[in-house]
Amino acid sequence: QLANDLTWHRARAMKKEIIKGVHAHANDTLAHTGILDISHTAPKWEDILELGFYGLKKRVEEYKNKYSKNDKTERFYNGVLKFYDGIDRFLERAAKLAKECNKSEMAQGLLNLRNRPPRNLYEAMQTSIAYYVFHHVFEGTYLRTMGRIDALFYPFWIKEDKEYAKKLIYDYFAEAD
């Protein structure tokens, strides 16, 4: 009940602020109406972070072997596998560039993600941002959410030095913004 009361209290306060013009720009752009809500895409972030790009590709290979029953499904799975091959090549090129720019942690993280799921907070955040970009560019739709990043990153966060983790979190939000 408390959460419901707080939600309604905030909604009433927002309505007054909108009417007073405090949020006039947001009102003018219809941000409060949902009219310009252009996407409802929300990937299963738990799988993305648990499997990583490498594991997602392996899953597609398993599905291909299990479910390819005709030429049409074979072409579909081959197309998806080509997409993951492209991700692998991108990660390799990005790692090379990061190394050339003396960003060794970034380079090593990207190389690691070519062959296994993320194992630490840094790699989990790399995976999240990379997937976000790949989805926008190659899927052609906008992601509605980055997921419950508190819950998604928690298993990685608990293994990190807290000062280092804090820096990563600030950097992640700066990059994702």
C-alpha atoms as a PDB file:
ATOM      1  CA  GLN A   1       0.000   0.000   0.000  1.00  0.00           C
ATOM      2  CA  LEU A   2       2.824   2.391   0.841  1.00  0.00           C
ATOM      3  CA  ALA A   3       4.366   2.026  -2.630  1.00  0.00           C
ATOM      4  CA  ASN A   4       0.976   2.698  -4.233  1.00  0.00           C
ATOM      5  CA  ASP A   5       0.435   5.788  -2.076  1.00  0.00           C
ATOM      6  CA  LEU A   6       3.898   7.105  -2.937  1.00  0.00           C
ATOM      7  CA  THR A   7       3.320   6.524  -6.645  1.00  0.00           C
ATOM      8  CA  TRP A   8       0.044   8.431  -6.614  1.00  0.00           C
ATOM      9  CA  HIS A   9       1.558  11.214  -4.501  1.00  0.00           C
ATOM     10  CA  ARG A  10       4.374  11.627  -7.046  1.00  0.00           C
ATOM     11  CA  ALA A  11       1.938  11.479  -9.972  1.00  0.00           C
ATOM     12  CA  ARG A  12      -0.187  14.260  -8.458  1.00  0.00           C
ATOM     13  CA  ALA A  13       2.933  16.359  -7.826  1.00  0.00           C
ATOM     14  CA  MET A  14       4.110  15.844 -11.431  1.00  0.00           C
ATOM     15  CA  LYS A  15       0.707  16.890 -12.769  1.00  0.00           C
ATOM     16  CA  LYS A  16       0.911  20.165 -10.810  1.00  0.00           C
ATOM     17  CA  GLU A  17       4.480  20.770 -12.019  1.00  0.00           C
ATOM     18  CA  ILE A  18       3.473  20.124 -15.633  1.00  0.00           C
ATOM     19  CA  ILE A  19       0.502  22.474 -15.361  1.00  0.00           C
ATOM     20  CA  LYS A  20       2.736  25.161 -13.798  1.00  0.00           C
ATOM     21  CA  GLY A  21       5.167  24.791 -16.680  1.00  0.00           C
ATOM     22  CA  VAL A  22       8.045  23.416 -14.631  1.00  0.00           C
ATOM     23  CA  HIS A  23       8.239  20.535 -17.072  1.00  0.00           C
ATOM     24  CA  ALA A  24       6.962  22.485 -20.064  1.00  0.00           C
ATOM     25  CA  HIS A  25       9.578  21.119 -22.454  1.00  0.00           C
ATOM     26  CA  ALA A  26       8.762  17.533 -21.482  1.00  0.00           C
ATOM     27  CA  ASN A  27       5.082  18.342 -21.851  1.00  0.00           C
ATOM     28  CA  ASP A  28       5.640  19.965 -25.255  1.00  0.00           C
ATOM     29  CA  THR A  29       7.536  16.900 -26.485  1.00  0.00           C
ATOM     30  CA  LEU A  30       4.820  14.586 -25.146  1.00  0.00           C
ATOM     31  CA  ALA A  31       7.320  12.811 -22.888  1.00  0.00           C
ATOM     32  CA  HIS A  32       4.720  12.455 -20.131  1.00  0.00           C
ATOM     33  CA  THR A  33       2.067  10.984 -22.378  1.00  0.00           C
ATOM     34  CA  GLY A  34       3.812   7.923 -23.758  1.00  0.00           C
ATOM     35  CA  ILE A  35       2.723   8.961 -27.247  1.00  0.00           C
ATOM     36  CA  LEU A  36       6.332   9.006 -28.422  1.00  0.00           C
ATOM     37  CA  ASP A  37       7.181   5.719 -26.742  1.00  0.00           C
ATOM     38  CA  ILE A  38       8.760   4.210 -29.840  1.00  0.00           C
ATOM     39  CA  SER A  39       9.808   0.775 -28.638  1.00  0.00           C
ATOM     40  CA  HIS A  40       8.755  -2.076 -26.450  1.00  0.00           C
ATOM     41  CA  THR A  41      11.873  -4.167 -26.944  1.00  0.00           C
ATOM     42  CA  ALA A  42      13.284  -5.575 -23.730  1.00  0.00           C
ATOM     43  CA  PRO A  43      15.801  -8.396 -24.120  1.00  0.00           C
ATOM     44  CA  LYS A  44      16.332 -11.069 -21.522  1.00  0.00           C
ATOM     45  CA  TRP A  45      19.344  -9.421 -19.917  1.00  0.00           C
ATOM     46  CA  GLU A  46      19.798 -12.312 -17.501  1.00  0.00           C
ATOM     47  CA  ASP A  47      20.626 -14.617 -20.426  1.00  0.00           C
ATOM     48  CA  ILE A  48      22.829 -12.037 -22.102  1.00  0.00           C
ATOM     49  CA  LEU A  49      24.992 -11.623 -19.001  1.00  0.00           C
ATOM     50  CA  GLU A  50      24.903 -15.291 -18.027  1.00  0.00           C
ATOM     51  CA  LEU A  51      25.848 -16.582 -21.486  1.00  0.00           C
ATOM     52  CA  GLY A  52      27.658 -13.643 -23.052  1.00  0.00           C
ATOM     53  CA  PHE A  53      27.957 -13.299 -26.817  1.00  0.00           C
ATOM     54  CA  TYR A  54      29.883 -16.558 -27.056  1.00  0.00           C
ATOM     55  CA  GLY A  55      27.213 -18.486 -25.147  1.00  0.00           C
ATOM     56  CA  LEU A  56      24.373 -16.884 -27.077  1.00  0.00           C
ATOM     57  CA  LYS A  57      26.020 -18.016 -30.314  1.00  0.00           C
ATOM     58  CA  LYS A  58      26.434 -21.537 -28.917  1.00  0.00           C
ATOM     59  CA  ARG A  59      22.748 -21.563 -28.011  1.00  0.00           C
ATOM     60  CA  VAL A  60      21.820 -20.592 -31.582  1.00  0.00           C
ATOM     61  CA  GLU A  61      24.011 -23.436 -32.860  1.00  0.00           C
ATOM     62  CA  GLU A  62      22.187 -25.853 -30.535  1.00  0.00           C
ATOM     63  CA  TYR A  63      18.806 -24.542 -31.681  1.00  0.00           C
ATOM     64  CA  LYS A  64      19.881 -24.857 -35.316  1.00  0.00           C
ATOM     65  CA  ASN A  65      20.841 -28.492 -34.798  1.00  0.00           C
ATOM     66  CA  LYS A  66      17.630 -29.221 -32.931  1.00  0.00           C
ATOM     67  CA  TYR A  67      15.048 -27.211 -34.884  1.00  0.00           C
ATOM     68  CA  SER A  68      16.321 -26.791 -38.470  1.00  0.00           C
ATOM     69  CA  LYS A  69      13.878 -28.890 -40.411  1.00  0.00           C
ATOM     70  CA  ASN A  70      13.882 -27.184 -43.788  1.00  0.00           C
ATOM     71  CA  ASP A  71      15.763 -24.718 -45.949  1.00  0.00           C
ATOM     72  CA  LYS A  72      13.890 -21.726 -44.525  1.00  0.00           C
ATOM     73  CA  THR A  73      14.799 -22.420 -40.883  1.00  0.00           C
ATOM     74  CA  GLU A  74      18.347 -23.363 -41.921  1.00  0.00           C
ATOM     75  CA  ARG A  75      18.761 -19.964 -43.610  1.00  0.00           C
ATOM     76  CA  PHE A  76      17.323 -18.225 -40.542  1.00  0.00           C
ATOM     77  CA  TYR A  77      19.753 -19.858 -38.136  1.00  0.00           C
ATOM     78  CA  ASN A  78      22.674 -19.311 -40.521  1.00  0.00           C
ATOM     79  CA  GLY A  79      21.762 -15.624 -40.664  1.00  0.00           C
ATOM     80  CA  VAL A  80      21.713 -15.356 -36.886  1.00  0.00           C
ATOM     81  CA  LEU A  81      25.063 -17.153 -36.682  1.00  0.00           C
ATOM     82  CA  LYS A  82      26.529 -14.688 -39.200  1.00  0.00           C
ATOM     83  CA  PHE A  83      25.366 -11.895 -36.908  1.00  0.00           C
ATOM     84  CA  TYR A  84      27.268 -13.455 -33.995  1.00  0.00           C
ATOM     85  CA  ASP A  85      30.309 -13.971 -36.225  1.00  0.00           C
ATOM     86  CA  GLY A  86      30.113 -10.230 -36.907  1.00  0.00           C
ATOM     87  CA  ILE A  87      29.993  -9.515 -33.183  1.00  0.00           C
ATOM     88  CA  ASP A  88      33.080 -11.673 -32.707  1.00  0.00           C
ATOM     89  CA  ARG A  89      34.972  -9.794 -35.413  1.00  0.00           C
ATOM     90  CA  PHE A  90      33.837  -6.458 -33.962  1.00  0.00           C
ATOM     91  CA  LEU A  91      35.047  -7.429 -30.475  1.00  0.00           C
ATOM     92  CA  GLU A  92      38.401  -8.453 -31.943  1.00  0.00           C
ATOM     93  CA  ARG A  93      38.813  -5.172 -33.853  1.00  0.00           C
ATOM     94  CA  ALA A  94      37.650  -3.097 -30.878  1.00  0.00           C
ATOM     95  CA  ALA A  95      40.140  -4.914 -28.621  1.00  0.00           C
ATOM     96  CA  LYS A  96      42.945  -4.189 -31.073  1.00  0.00           C
ATOM     97  CA  LEU A  97      42.034  -0.502 -31.149  1.00  0.00           C
ATOM     98  CA  ALA A  98      41.739  -0.370 -27.348  1.00  0.00           C
ATOM     99  CA  LYS A  99      45.213  -1.896 -27.053  1.00  0.00           C
ATOM    100  CA  GLU A 100      46.620   0.664 -29.505  1.00  0.00           C
ATOM    101  CA  CYS A 101      45.095   3.385 -27.288  1.00  0.00           C
ATOM    102  CA  ASN A 102      46.755   1.874 -24.177  1.00  0.00           C
ATOM    103  CA  LYS A 103      43.431   0.742 -22.716  1.00  0.00           C
ATOM    104  CA  SER A 104      44.629  -2.702 -21.715  1.00  0.00           C
ATOM    105  CA  GLU A 105      41.722  -3.532 -19.372  1.00  0.00           C
ATOM    106  CA  MET A 106      39.232  -2.693 -22.104  1.00  0.00           C
ATOM    107  CA  ALA A 107      41.176  -4.686 -24.693  1.00  0.00           C
ATOM    108  CA  GLN A 108      41.478  -7.756 -22.477  1.00  0.00           C
ATOM    109  CA  GLY A 109      37.798  -7.612 -21.506  1.00  0.00           C
ATOM    110  CA  LEU A 110      36.736  -7.495 -25.148  1.00  0.00           C
ATOM    111  CA  LEU A 111      39.007 -10.406 -26.030  1.00  0.00           C
ATOM    112  CA  ASN A 112      37.644 -12.398 -23.097  1.00  0.00           C
ATOM    113  CA  LEU A 113      34.064 -11.816 -24.233  1.00  0.00           C
ATOM    114  CA  ARG A 114      34.860 -13.463 -27.561  1.00  0.00           C
ATOM    115  CA  ASN A 115      35.333 -16.830 -25.834  1.00  0.00           C
ATOM    116  CA  ARG A 116      33.289 -16.822 -22.651  1.00  0.00           C
ATOM    117  CA  PRO A 117      30.617 -14.977 -20.670  1.00  0.00           C
ATOM    118  CA  PRO A 118      31.545 -11.993 -18.506  1.00  0.00           C
ATOM    119  CA  ARG A 119      33.240 -12.948 -15.247  1.00  0.00           C
ATOM    120  CA  ASN A 120      33.583  -9.578 -13.547  1.00  0.00           C
ATOM    121  CA  LEU A 121      31.731  -6.284 -13.284  1.00  0.00           C
ATOM    122  CA  TYR A 122      33.833  -4.622 -15.972  1.00  0.00           C
ATOM    123  CA  GLU A 123      33.085  -7.356 -18.501  1.00  0.00           C
ATOM    124  CA  ALA A 124      29.396  -7.436 -17.550  1.00  0.00           C
ATOM    125  CA  MET A 125      29.184  -3.710 -18.218  1.00  0.00           C
ATOM    126  CA  GLN A 126      31.086  -4.107 -21.503  1.00  0.00           C
ATOM    127  CA  THR A 127      28.608  -6.799 -22.521  1.00  0.00           C
ATOM    128  CA  SER A 128      25.645  -4.620 -21.588  1.00  0.00           C
ATOM    129  CA  ILE A 129      26.819  -1.586 -23.539  1.00  0.00           C
ATOM    130  CA  ALA A 130      27.941  -3.636 -26.539  1.00  0.00           C
ATOM    131  CA  TYR A 131      24.621  -5.503 -26.698  1.00  0.00           C
ATOM    132  CA  TYR A 132      22.744  -2.218 -26.414  1.00  0.00           C
ATOM    133  CA  VAL A 133      24.666  -0.780 -29.369  1.00  0.00           C
ATOM    134  CA  PHE A 134      24.409  -3.966 -31.466  1.00  0.00           C
ATOM    135  CA  HIS A 135      20.671  -4.086 -30.880  1.00  0.00           C
ATOM    136  CA  HIS A 136      20.158  -0.495 -31.960  1.00  0.00           C
ATOM    137  CA  VAL A 137      22.379  -0.719 -35.006  1.00  0.00           C
ATOM    138  CA  PHE A 138      21.619  -4.199 -36.318  1.00  0.00           C
ATOM    139  CA  GLU A 139      18.132  -4.944 -35.050  1.00  0.00           C
ATOM    140  CA  GLY A 140      17.003  -1.446 -35.922  1.00  0.00           C
ATOM    141  CA  THR A 141      14.858  -1.025 -32.817  1.00  0.00           C
ATOM    142  CA  TYR A 142      15.442   0.853 -29.620  1.00  0.00           C
ATOM    143  CA  LEU A 143      15.787  -0.980 -26.353  1.00  0.00           C
ATOM    144  CA  ARG A 144      13.242   0.165 -23.855  1.00  0.00           C
ATOM    145  CA  THR A 145      15.298  -0.859 -20.869  1.00  0.00           C
ATOM    146  CA  MET A 146      18.777  -1.792 -19.789  1.00  0.00           C
ATOM    147  CA  GLY A 147      17.147  -4.156 -17.342  1.00  0.00           C
ATOM    148  CA  ARG A 148      17.290  -4.147 -13.562  1.00  0.00           C
ATOM    149  CA  ILE A 149      20.962  -3.321 -13.533  1.00  0.00           C
ATOM    150  CA  ASP A 150      21.092  -3.437  -9.747  1.00  0.00           C
ATOM    151  CA  ALA A 151      20.037  -7.091  -9.796  1.00  0.00           C
ATOM    152  CA  LEU A 152      21.837  -7.930 -13.047  1.00  0.00           C
ATOM    153  CA  PHE A 153      25.203  -6.569 -11.942  1.00  0.00           C
ATOM    154  CA  TYR A 154      24.967  -7.609  -8.292  1.00  0.00           C
ATOM    155  CA  PRO A 155      26.601 -11.057  -8.750  1.00  0.00           C
ATOM    156  CA  PHE A 156      29.569  -9.295 -10.357  1.00  0.00           C
ATOM    157  CA  TRP A 157      29.596  -6.353  -7.944  1.00  0.00           C
ATOM    158  CA  ILE A 158      29.890  -8.488  -4.811  1.00  0.00           C
ATOM    159  CA  LYS A 159      33.206  -9.889  -6.088  1.00  0.00           C
ATOM    160  CA  GLU A 160      34.764  -6.462  -6.753  1.00  0.00           C
ATOM    161  CA  ASP A 161      36.681  -3.975  -4.663  1.00  0.00           C
ATOM    162  CA  LYS A 162      33.968  -1.480  -3.730  1.00  0.00           C
ATOM    163  CA  GLU A 163      35.922   1.665  -4.657  1.00  0.00           C
ATOM    164  CA  TYR A 164      36.758   0.191  -8.055  1.00  0.00           C
ATOM    165  CA  ALA A 165      33.131  -0.903  -8.494  1.00  0.00           C
ATOM    166  CA  LYS A 166      31.925   2.598  -7.644  1.00  0.00           C
ATOM    167  CA  LYS A 167      34.199   4.073 -10.324  1.00  0.00           C
ATOM    168  CA  LEU A 168      32.941   1.514 -12.849  1.00  0.00           C
ATOM    169  CA  ILE A 169      29.323   2.354 -12.050  1.00  0.00           C
ATOM    170  CA  TYR A 170      29.924   6.069 -12.553  1.00  0.00           C
ATOM    171  CA  ASP A 171      31.756   5.391 -15.826  1.00  0.00           C
ATOM    172  CA  TYR A 172      29.000   3.016 -16.977  1.00  0.00           C
ATOM    173  CA  PHE A 173      26.277   5.616 -16.498  1.00  0.00           C
ATOM    174  CA  ALA A 174      28.382   8.276 -18.195  1.00  0.00           C
ATOM    175  CA  GLU A 175      28.869   5.961 -21.188  1.00  0.00           C
ATOM    176  CA  ALA A 176      25.264   4.752 -21.313  1.00  0.00           C
ATOM    177  CA  ASP A 177      23.820   8.268 -21.061  1.00  0.00           C
END
